[in-house]
């Protein structure tokens, strides 16, 4: 009785894994290939970053209110 239930559980798990691989496997590969075709040129972005305007601000990170 116990052996039948163990075999049934293993059969259901293997069937579920096989269905998951068969149904959801190709979509992940298609997503990766479309990501590679986006064509961002990081080196060109770094070359254009030299002429950006500067923003100066007063850093108040470690200034605490005076306690009275």
C-alpha atoms as a PDB file:
ATOM      1  CA  UNK A   1       0.000   0.000   0.000  1.00  0.00           C
ATOM      2  CA  UNK A   2       2.750   2.432   0.958  1.00  0.00           C
ATOM      3  CA  UNK A   3       4.877   1.512  -2.065  1.00  0.00           C
ATOM      4  CA  UNK A   4       2.003   2.339  -4.414  1.00  0.00           C
ATOM      5  CA  UNK A   5       1.548   5.797  -2.948  1.00  0.00           C
ATOM      6  CA  UNK A   6       5.283   6.543  -3.187  1.00  0.00           C
ATOM      7  CA  UNK A   7       5.356   5.427  -6.808  1.00  0.00           C
ATOM      8  CA  UNK A   8       2.263   7.550  -7.536  1.00  0.00           C
ATOM      9  CA  UNK A   9       3.815  10.663  -5.986  1.00  0.00           C
ATOM     10  CA  UNK A  10       7.047  10.191  -7.946  1.00  0.00           C
ATOM     11  CA  UNK A  11       5.099   9.690 -11.179  1.00  0.00           C
ATOM     12  CA  UNK A  12       3.097  12.883 -10.613  1.00  0.00           C
ATOM     13  CA  UNK A  13       6.251  14.876  -9.846  1.00  0.00           C
ATOM     14  CA  UNK A  14       8.075  13.620 -12.932  1.00  0.00           C
ATOM     15  CA  UNK A  15       5.066  14.356 -15.123  1.00  0.00           C
ATOM     16  CA  UNK A  16       4.821  17.881 -13.711  1.00  0.00           C
ATOM     17  CA  UNK A  17       8.508  18.566 -14.286  1.00  0.00           C
ATOM     18  CA  UNK A  18       8.314  17.233 -17.847  1.00  0.00           C
ATOM     19  CA  UNK A  19       5.294  19.423 -18.620  1.00  0.00           C
ATOM     20  CA  UNK A  20       6.969  22.481 -17.133  1.00  0.00           C
ATOM     21  CA  UNK A  21      10.082  21.974 -19.261  1.00  0.00           C
ATOM     22  CA  UNK A  22       8.032  21.315 -22.383  1.00  0.00           C
ATOM     23  CA  UNK A  23       5.719  24.321 -21.988  1.00  0.00           C
ATOM     24  CA  UNK A  24       7.906  27.012 -20.418  1.00  0.00           C
ATOM     25  CA  UNK A  25      11.386  26.246 -21.737  1.00  0.00           C
ATOM     26  CA  UNK A  26      11.374  28.011 -25.149  1.00  0.00           C
ATOM     27  CA  UNK A  27       9.997  31.341 -23.861  1.00  0.00           C
ATOM     28  CA  UNK A  28      13.016  31.925 -21.615  1.00  0.00           C
ATOM     29  CA  UNK A  29      15.418  31.409 -24.513  1.00  0.00           C
ATOM     30  CA  UNK A  30      13.479  33.866 -26.665  1.00  0.00           C
ATOM     31  CA  UNK A  31      13.596  36.489 -23.918  1.00  0.00           C
ATOM     32  CA  UNK A  32      17.376  36.220 -23.606  1.00  0.00           C
ATOM     33  CA  UNK A  33      17.959  36.482 -27.348  1.00  0.00           C
ATOM     34  CA  UNK A  34      15.766  39.592 -27.624  1.00  0.00           C
ATOM     35  CA  UNK A  35      17.695  41.235 -24.776  1.00  0.00           C
ATOM     36  CA  UNK A  36      20.995  40.805 -26.601  1.00  0.00           C
ATOM     37  CA  UNK A  37      19.682  42.598 -29.683  1.00  0.00           C
ATOM     38  CA  UNK A  38      18.938  45.866 -27.860  1.00  0.00           C
ATOM     39  CA  UNK A  39      22.383  47.225 -28.801  1.00  0.00           C
ATOM     40  CA  UNK A  40      23.409  49.623 -26.045  1.00  0.00           C
ATOM     41  CA  UNK A  41      26.865  51.018 -26.668  1.00  0.00           C
ATOM     42  CA  UNK A  42      28.232  51.662 -23.182  1.00  0.00           C
ATOM     43  CA  UNK A  43      31.552  53.006 -24.457  1.00  0.00           C
ATOM     44  CA  UNK A  44      29.779  55.682 -26.494  1.00  0.00           C
ATOM     45  CA  UNK A  45      27.744  56.681 -23.445  1.00  0.00           C
ATOM     46  CA  UNK A  46      30.924  57.126 -21.393  1.00  0.00           C
ATOM     47  CA  UNK A  47      32.515  59.306 -24.096  1.00  0.00           C
ATOM     48  CA  UNK A  48      29.535  61.663 -24.136  1.00  0.00           C
ATOM     49  CA  UNK A  49      29.470  61.983 -20.336  1.00  0.00           C
ATOM     50  CA  UNK A  50      32.462  64.357 -20.267  1.00  0.00           C
ATOM     51  CA  UNK A  51      30.447  67.409 -21.326  1.00  0.00           C
ATOM     52  CA  UNK A  52      27.677  67.141 -18.719  1.00  0.00           C
ATOM     53  CA  UNK A  53      26.902  70.199 -16.575  1.00  0.00           C
ATOM     54  CA  UNK A  54      27.975  70.145 -12.946  1.00  0.00           C
ATOM     55  CA  UNK A  55      25.570  70.576 -10.077  1.00  0.00           C
ATOM     56  CA  UNK A  56      26.975  71.942  -6.835  1.00  0.00           C
ATOM     57  CA  UNK A  57      25.065  71.511  -3.605  1.00  0.00           C
ATOM     58  CA  UNK A  58      25.728  71.951   0.086  1.00  0.00           C
ATOM     59  CA  UNK A  59      26.240  68.564   1.716  1.00  0.00           C
ATOM     60  CA  UNK A  60      24.352  68.479   5.042  1.00  0.00           C
ATOM     61  CA  UNK A  61      24.881  64.777   5.761  1.00  0.00           C
ATOM     62  CA  UNK A  62      26.436  65.056   9.216  1.00  0.00           C
ATOM     63  CA  UNK A  63      24.823  68.325  10.397  1.00  0.00           C
ATOM     64  CA  UNK A  64      22.472  67.776  13.315  1.00  0.00           C
ATOM     65  CA  UNK A  65      20.023  70.254  14.847  1.00  0.00           C
ATOM     66  CA  UNK A  66      21.282  72.072  17.925  1.00  0.00           C
ATOM     67  CA  UNK A  67      19.680  70.787  21.112  1.00  0.00           C
ATOM     68  CA  UNK A  68      18.768  73.423  23.689  1.00  0.00           C
END
